[in-house]
Amino acid sequence: MILLDTHTFLWFILDDPQLSPKADQLISDPNNAIAISPVTYWEIAIKISIGKYSLPEPYEIFMDREISINNFTILPIQPKHTAALIDLPFYHKDPFDRLLIAQASVEKIPIISNDQIFDQYPVQRIWA
């Protein structure tokens, strides 16, 4: 299983050229189980609500369809994930990214992200 950072999810879905070829290949490979966290759709909804982001169509239609047609798995947020936040160093201040890091660390799965700060944590970050 591989976890997607929020920007990775959006760049893949929207065919954004910022997505690295390696990330695109891994996500597109039907042999890879790709997970997204509720953190991702929570972050997108919040950014839309405060005017920092917009989608080409209504949020709920977009999210439901893209998760389904891409066969992404939802990695639920569990108490063990939030417990990991207690001792997680504050190299990264963003609460969304901190929870993604905690989930990847606890589950021992890699995360596809362009965010190099992730490298300071005990997670395998995949990008280029």
N, C-alpha and C. Protein backbone atom coordinates (compact mmCIF):
# COMPACT_ATOMS: atom_id res chain seq x y z
N MET A 1 0.85 -1.18 0.00
CA MET A 1 0.00 0.00 0.00
C MET A 1 0.89 1.24 0.00
N ILE A 2 0.46 2.27 -0.72
CA ILE A 2 1.16 3.54 -0.80
C ILE A 2 0.15 4.65 -0.50
N LEU A 3 0.53 5.57 0.39
CA LEU A 3 -0.33 6.68 0.78
C LEU A 3 -0.01 7.91 -0.06
N LEU A 4 -1.04 8.64 -0.46
CA LEU A 4 -0.85 9.86 -1.24
C LEU A 4 -0.96 11.09 -0.36
N ASP A 5 -0.05 12.03 -0.55
CA ASP A 5 -0.19 13.35 0.05
C ASP A 5 -1.31 14.06 -0.72
N THR A 6 -1.87 15.09 -0.13
CA THR A 6 -3.01 15.78 -0.75
C THR A 6 -2.66 16.36 -2.11
N HIS A 7 -1.53 17.04 -2.21
CA HIS A 7 -1.16 17.61 -3.51
C HIS A 7 -0.93 16.51 -4.55
N THR A 8 -0.40 15.38 -4.12
CA THR A 8 -0.18 14.26 -5.04
C THR A 8 -1.50 13.75 -5.59
N PHE A 9 -2.48 13.59 -4.71
CA PHE A 9 -3.82 13.16 -5.13
C PHE A 9 -4.37 14.12 -6.17
N LEU A 10 -4.34 15.43 -5.86
CA LEU A 10 -4.90 16.42 -6.79
C LEU A 10 -4.13 16.48 -8.10
N TRP A 11 -2.81 16.46 -8.03
CA TRP A 11 -2.01 16.55 -9.26
C TRP A 11 -2.24 15.33 -10.15
N PHE A 12 -2.42 14.16 -9.53
CA PHE A 12 -2.71 12.96 -10.33
C PHE A 12 -4.08 13.07 -10.99
N ILE A 13 -5.08 13.40 -10.21
CA ILE A 13 -6.45 13.47 -10.70
C ILE A 13 -6.60 14.52 -11.79
N LEU A 14 -5.96 15.67 -11.59
CA LEU A 14 -6.11 16.79 -12.51
C LEU A 14 -5.04 16.81 -13.60
N ASP A 15 -4.24 15.73 -13.68
CA ASP A 15 -3.20 15.60 -14.70
C ASP A 15 -2.27 16.82 -14.72
N ASP A 16 -1.86 17.22 -13.53
CA ASP A 16 -1.00 18.39 -13.37
C ASP A 16 0.45 18.01 -13.71
N PRO A 17 1.13 18.81 -14.52
CA PRO A 17 2.52 18.50 -14.89
C PRO A 17 3.50 18.57 -13.72
N GLN A 18 3.08 19.08 -12.57
CA GLN A 18 3.95 19.11 -11.39
C GLN A 18 4.15 17.71 -10.80
N LEU A 19 3.27 16.77 -11.14
CA LEU A 19 3.40 15.40 -10.64
C LEU A 19 4.62 14.76 -11.30
N SER A 20 5.48 14.18 -10.49
CA SER A 20 6.69 13.56 -11.04
C SER A 20 6.31 12.33 -11.86
N PRO A 21 7.10 12.02 -12.89
CA PRO A 21 6.83 10.81 -13.68
C PRO A 21 6.82 9.54 -12.82
N LYS A 22 7.72 9.47 -11.84
CA LYS A 22 7.76 8.29 -10.97
C LYS A 22 6.48 8.17 -10.16
N ALA A 23 6.01 9.28 -9.61
CA ALA A 23 4.75 9.27 -8.84
C ALA A 23 3.60 8.84 -9.73
N ASP A 24 3.52 9.41 -10.92
CA ASP A 24 2.46 9.06 -11.86
C ASP A 24 2.49 7.57 -12.19
N GLN A 25 3.66 7.05 -12.44
CA GLN A 25 3.80 5.63 -12.78
C GLN A 25 3.34 4.74 -11.63
N LEU A 26 3.76 5.07 -10.40
CA LEU A 26 3.37 4.25 -9.25
C LEU A 26 1.87 4.28 -9.00
N ILE A 27 1.28 5.46 -9.11
CA ILE A 27 -0.16 5.59 -8.87
C ILE A 27 -0.96 4.89 -9.97
N SER A 28 -0.48 4.97 -11.19
CA SER A 28 -1.18 4.38 -12.34
C SER A 28 -1.05 2.87 -12.41
N ASP A 29 -0.07 2.31 -11.76
CA ASP A 29 0.19 0.87 -11.82
C ASP A 29 -0.92 0.12 -11.08
N PRO A 30 -1.71 -0.70 -11.79
CA PRO A 30 -2.81 -1.41 -11.13
C PRO A 30 -2.35 -2.43 -10.09
N ASN A 31 -1.06 -2.74 -10.08
CA ASN A 31 -0.52 -3.68 -9.08
C ASN A 31 -0.26 -3.01 -7.73
N ASN A 32 -0.32 -1.69 -7.70
CA ASN A 32 -0.09 -0.96 -6.45
C ASN A 32 -1.42 -0.58 -5.80
N ALA A 33 -1.54 -0.87 -4.53
CA ALA A 33 -2.71 -0.43 -3.75
C ALA A 33 -2.43 0.99 -3.29
N ILE A 34 -3.28 1.91 -3.72
CA ILE A 34 -3.11 3.33 -3.41
C ILE A 34 -4.14 3.75 -2.38
N ALA A 35 -3.66 4.38 -1.33
CA ALA A 35 -4.55 4.83 -0.25
C ALA A 35 -4.55 6.35 -0.16
N ILE A 36 -5.71 6.87 0.21
CA ILE A 36 -5.79 8.27 0.60
C ILE A 36 -6.40 8.31 1.99
N SER A 37 -6.04 9.33 2.70
CA SER A 37 -6.52 9.51 4.06
C SER A 37 -7.70 10.48 4.07
N PRO A 38 -8.59 10.34 5.05
CA PRO A 38 -9.61 11.38 5.21
C PRO A 38 -9.00 12.77 5.38
N VAL A 39 -7.74 12.82 5.82
CA VAL A 39 -7.01 14.09 5.90
C VAL A 39 -7.04 14.80 4.55
N THR A 40 -6.91 14.04 3.48
CA THR A 40 -6.86 14.63 2.14
C THR A 40 -8.16 15.31 1.79
N TYR A 41 -9.28 14.63 1.97
CA TYR A 41 -10.52 15.30 1.59
C TYR A 41 -10.93 16.35 2.60
N TRP A 42 -10.50 16.22 3.84
CA TRP A 42 -10.72 17.26 4.84
C TRP A 42 -9.94 18.52 4.46
N GLU A 43 -8.66 18.35 4.11
CA GLU A 43 -7.83 19.50 3.73
C GLU A 43 -8.39 20.21 2.49
N ILE A 44 -8.79 19.45 1.49
CA ILE A 44 -9.35 20.05 0.27
C ILE A 44 -10.62 20.84 0.59
N ALA A 45 -11.51 20.25 1.38
CA ALA A 45 -12.77 20.93 1.75
C ALA A 45 -12.49 22.23 2.51
N ILE A 46 -11.55 22.19 3.43
CA ILE A 46 -11.23 23.39 4.19
C ILE A 46 -10.65 24.47 3.28
N LYS A 47 -9.74 24.08 2.40
CA LYS A 47 -9.14 25.07 1.50
C LYS A 47 -10.16 25.66 0.53
N ILE A 48 -11.13 24.87 0.11
CA ILE A 48 -12.20 25.41 -0.73
C ILE A 48 -13.04 26.40 0.09
N SER A 49 -13.35 26.03 1.33
CA SER A 49 -14.23 26.87 2.15
C SER A 49 -13.61 28.23 2.48
N ILE A 50 -12.29 28.30 2.54
CA ILE A 50 -11.64 29.59 2.85
C ILE A 50 -11.13 30.30 1.59
N GLY A 51 -11.48 29.74 0.42
CA GLY A 51 -11.14 30.40 -0.83
C GLY A 51 -9.72 30.20 -1.31
N LYS A 52 -8.99 29.23 -0.76
CA LYS A 52 -7.61 28.99 -1.18
C LYS A 52 -7.51 27.97 -2.31
N TYR A 53 -8.63 27.33 -2.65
CA TYR A 53 -8.60 26.30 -3.69
C TYR A 53 -9.99 26.19 -4.31
N SER A 54 -10.03 25.74 -5.54
CA SER A 54 -11.31 25.46 -6.18
C SER A 54 -11.16 24.23 -7.05
N LEU A 55 -12.26 23.58 -7.28
CA LEU A 55 -12.31 22.40 -8.13
C LEU A 55 -13.13 22.71 -9.37
N PRO A 56 -12.94 21.93 -10.43
CA PRO A 56 -13.68 22.19 -11.67
C PRO A 56 -15.16 21.79 -11.62
N GLU A 57 -15.59 21.22 -10.50
CA GLU A 57 -16.98 20.80 -10.33
C GLU A 57 -17.28 20.72 -8.84
N PRO A 58 -18.52 20.46 -8.44
CA PRO A 58 -18.83 20.39 -7.01
C PRO A 58 -17.96 19.36 -6.28
N TYR A 59 -17.53 19.77 -5.10
CA TYR A 59 -16.60 18.98 -4.28
C TYR A 59 -17.03 17.52 -4.11
N GLU A 60 -18.24 17.29 -3.63
CA GLU A 60 -18.65 15.93 -3.30
C GLU A 60 -18.70 15.03 -4.53
N ILE A 61 -19.19 15.55 -5.64
CA ILE A 61 -19.22 14.77 -6.89
C ILE A 61 -17.80 14.42 -7.31
N PHE A 62 -16.92 15.42 -7.29
CA PHE A 62 -15.52 15.23 -7.68
C PHE A 62 -14.84 14.17 -6.82
N MET A 63 -14.92 14.33 -5.51
CA MET A 63 -14.22 13.42 -4.60
C MET A 63 -14.75 11.99 -4.70
N ASP A 64 -16.08 11.84 -4.64
CA ASP A 64 -16.66 10.49 -4.71
C ASP A 64 -16.27 9.78 -6.00
N ARG A 65 -16.38 10.49 -7.12
CA ARG A 65 -16.06 9.88 -8.41
C ARG A 65 -14.58 9.50 -8.51
N GLU A 66 -13.69 10.43 -8.14
CA GLU A 66 -12.27 10.18 -8.32
C GLU A 66 -11.74 9.08 -7.41
N ILE A 67 -12.23 9.03 -6.19
CA ILE A 67 -11.82 7.95 -5.30
C ILE A 67 -12.29 6.61 -5.87
N SER A 68 -13.51 6.59 -6.37
CA SER A 68 -14.09 5.36 -6.90
C SER A 68 -13.43 4.90 -8.21
N ILE A 69 -13.38 5.79 -9.21
CA ILE A 69 -12.86 5.35 -10.52
C ILE A 69 -11.38 5.02 -10.50
N ASN A 70 -10.65 5.59 -9.54
CA ASN A 70 -9.22 5.29 -9.43
C ASN A 70 -8.95 4.14 -8.47
N ASN A 71 -10.02 3.58 -7.92
CA ASN A 71 -9.91 2.43 -7.04
C ASN A 71 -8.99 2.70 -5.84
N PHE A 72 -9.04 3.94 -5.33
CA PHE A 72 -8.24 4.28 -4.17
C PHE A 72 -8.90 3.72 -2.91
N THR A 73 -8.09 3.30 -1.98
CA THR A 73 -8.54 2.81 -0.69
C THR A 73 -8.49 3.97 0.30
N ILE A 74 -9.47 4.03 1.17
CA ILE A 74 -9.45 5.03 2.24
C ILE A 74 -8.73 4.41 3.44
N LEU A 75 -7.68 5.09 3.90
CA LEU A 75 -6.98 4.66 5.11
C LEU A 75 -7.59 5.42 6.28
N PRO A 76 -8.46 4.78 7.06
CA PRO A 76 -9.15 5.49 8.15
C PRO A 76 -8.16 6.04 9.18
N ILE A 77 -8.53 7.15 9.77
CA ILE A 77 -7.74 7.70 10.88
C ILE A 77 -8.15 6.94 12.14
N GLN A 78 -7.16 6.34 12.78
CA GLN A 78 -7.41 5.55 13.98
C GLN A 78 -6.69 6.18 15.18
N PRO A 79 -7.11 5.83 16.39
CA PRO A 79 -6.44 6.37 17.57
C PRO A 79 -4.92 6.15 17.56
N LYS A 80 -4.46 5.04 17.03
CA LYS A 80 -3.01 4.80 17.00
C LYS A 80 -2.30 5.82 16.11
N HIS A 81 -2.99 6.34 15.10
CA HIS A 81 -2.41 7.38 14.24
C HIS A 81 -2.32 8.70 14.98
N THR A 82 -3.39 9.06 15.66
CA THR A 82 -3.37 10.33 16.39
C THR A 82 -2.46 10.24 17.62
N ALA A 83 -2.33 9.06 18.20
CA ALA A 83 -1.39 8.88 19.32
C ALA A 83 0.04 9.15 18.87
N ALA A 84 0.36 8.79 17.65
CA ALA A 84 1.72 9.02 17.13
C ALA A 84 2.04 10.51 17.03
N LEU A 85 1.01 11.35 16.94
CA LEU A 85 1.23 12.80 16.87
C LEU A 85 1.82 13.36 18.16
N ILE A 86 1.57 12.70 19.28
CA ILE A 86 2.01 13.20 20.57
C ILE A 86 3.52 13.37 20.62
N ASP A 87 4.25 12.40 20.10
CA ASP A 87 5.71 12.44 20.14
C ASP A 87 6.35 12.83 18.80
N LEU A 88 5.54 13.17 17.82
CA LEU A 88 6.08 13.53 16.50
C LEU A 88 6.75 14.90 16.57
N PRO A 89 8.04 14.98 16.22
CA PRO A 89 8.72 16.27 16.26
C PRO A 89 8.04 17.29 15.34
N PHE A 90 8.19 18.55 15.68
CA PHE A 90 7.54 19.62 14.92
C PHE A 90 8.41 20.17 13.80
N TYR A 91 9.05 19.29 13.03
CA TYR A 91 9.77 19.75 11.84
C TYR A 91 8.75 20.35 10.87
N HIS A 92 7.61 19.71 10.81
CA HIS A 92 6.53 20.16 9.94
C HIS A 92 5.41 20.69 10.83
N LYS A 93 4.95 21.88 10.54
CA LYS A 93 3.92 22.51 11.38
C LYS A 93 2.49 22.28 10.87
N ASP A 94 2.36 21.92 9.60
CA ASP A 94 1.04 21.75 8.99
C ASP A 94 0.31 20.56 9.61
N PRO A 95 -0.86 20.77 10.21
CA PRO A 95 -1.56 19.65 10.88
C PRO A 95 -2.00 18.55 9.92
N PHE A 96 -2.33 18.90 8.69
CA PHE A 96 -2.73 17.88 7.72
C PHE A 96 -1.54 16.97 7.41
N ASP A 97 -0.41 17.58 7.10
CA ASP A 97 0.78 16.79 6.77
C ASP A 97 1.27 15.99 7.97
N ARG A 98 1.17 16.54 9.15
CA ARG A 98 1.60 15.81 10.34
C ARG A 98 0.79 14.52 10.52
N LEU A 99 -0.51 14.59 10.26
CA LEU A 99 -1.33 13.39 10.40
C LEU A 99 -1.03 12.38 9.29
N LEU A 100 -0.77 12.86 8.08
CA LEU A 100 -0.36 11.94 7.00
C LEU A 100 0.96 11.25 7.36
N ILE A 101 1.90 12.01 7.91
CA ILE A 101 3.18 11.44 8.33
C ILE A 101 2.95 10.39 9.41
N ALA A 102 2.10 10.71 10.37
CA ALA A 102 1.81 9.76 11.45
C ALA A 102 1.19 8.48 10.89
N GLN A 103 0.25 8.62 9.98
CA GLN A 103 -0.38 7.42 9.40
C GLN A 103 0.65 6.57 8.64
N ALA A 104 1.47 7.20 7.82
CA ALA A 104 2.48 6.46 7.06
C ALA A 104 3.47 5.78 8.00
N SER A 105 3.85 6.47 9.05
CA SER A 105 4.81 5.92 10.00
C SER A 105 4.22 4.72 10.76
N VAL A 106 3.03 4.89 11.30
CA VAL A 106 2.41 3.81 12.06
C VAL A 106 2.13 2.59 11.18
N GLU A 107 1.64 2.84 9.98
CA GLU A 107 1.30 1.73 9.07
C GLU A 107 2.52 1.15 8.35
N LYS A 108 3.67 1.87 8.47
CA LYS A 108 4.91 1.45 7.80
C LYS A 108 4.71 1.32 6.29
N ILE A 109 4.09 2.36 5.73
CA ILE A 109 3.87 2.41 4.29
C ILE A 109 4.52 3.68 3.73
N PRO A 110 4.97 3.62 2.49
CA PRO A 110 5.54 4.83 1.89
C PRO A 110 4.46 5.85 1.57
N ILE A 111 4.89 7.10 1.43
CA ILE A 111 3.99 8.18 1.06
C ILE A 111 4.57 8.89 -0.16
N ILE A 112 3.70 9.16 -1.13
CA ILE A 112 4.13 9.89 -2.32
C ILE A 112 3.87 11.36 -2.08
N SER A 113 4.98 12.12 -2.01
CA SER A 113 4.88 13.54 -1.70
C SER A 113 6.08 14.29 -2.27
N ASN A 114 5.85 15.52 -2.68
CA ASN A 114 6.92 16.40 -3.13
C ASN A 114 7.52 17.16 -1.95
N ASP A 115 6.97 17.02 -0.78
CA ASP A 115 7.36 17.78 0.41
C ASP A 115 8.61 17.17 1.05
N GLN A 116 9.75 17.83 0.88
CA GLN A 116 11.02 17.29 1.37
C GLN A 116 11.13 17.28 2.90
N ILE A 117 10.31 18.05 3.58
CA ILE A 117 10.34 18.03 5.05
C ILE A 117 9.97 16.64 5.58
N PHE A 118 9.20 15.89 4.79
CA PHE A 118 8.82 14.53 5.19
C PHE A 118 10.06 13.67 5.43
N ASP A 119 11.18 13.99 4.76
CA ASP A 119 12.40 13.19 4.88
C ASP A 119 13.00 13.25 6.29
N GLN A 120 12.58 14.20 7.10
CA GLN A 120 13.08 14.32 8.46
C GLN A 120 12.36 13.37 9.42
N TYR A 121 11.37 12.67 8.92
CA TYR A 121 10.57 11.75 9.73
C TYR A 121 10.86 10.31 9.34
N PRO A 122 10.48 9.36 10.19
CA PRO A 122 10.73 7.95 9.89
C PRO A 122 9.69 7.37 8.91
N VAL A 123 9.62 7.98 7.74
CA VAL A 123 8.74 7.50 6.68
C VAL A 123 9.52 7.44 5.37
N GLN A 124 9.08 6.58 4.49
CA GLN A 124 9.69 6.53 3.16
C GLN A 124 8.89 7.44 2.24
N ARG A 125 9.52 8.53 1.81
CA ARG A 125 8.89 9.45 0.89
C ARG A 125 9.34 9.10 -0.53
N ILE A 126 8.37 9.01 -1.42
CA ILE A 126 8.66 8.71 -2.83
C ILE A 126 8.29 9.94 -3.64
N TRP A 127 9.18 10.33 -4.54
CA TRP A 127 8.84 11.39 -5.47
C TRP A 127 9.54 11.20 -6.81
N ALA A 128 10.82 11.50 -6.87
CA ALA A 128 11.52 11.44 -8.16
C ALA A 128 12.51 10.30 -8.23
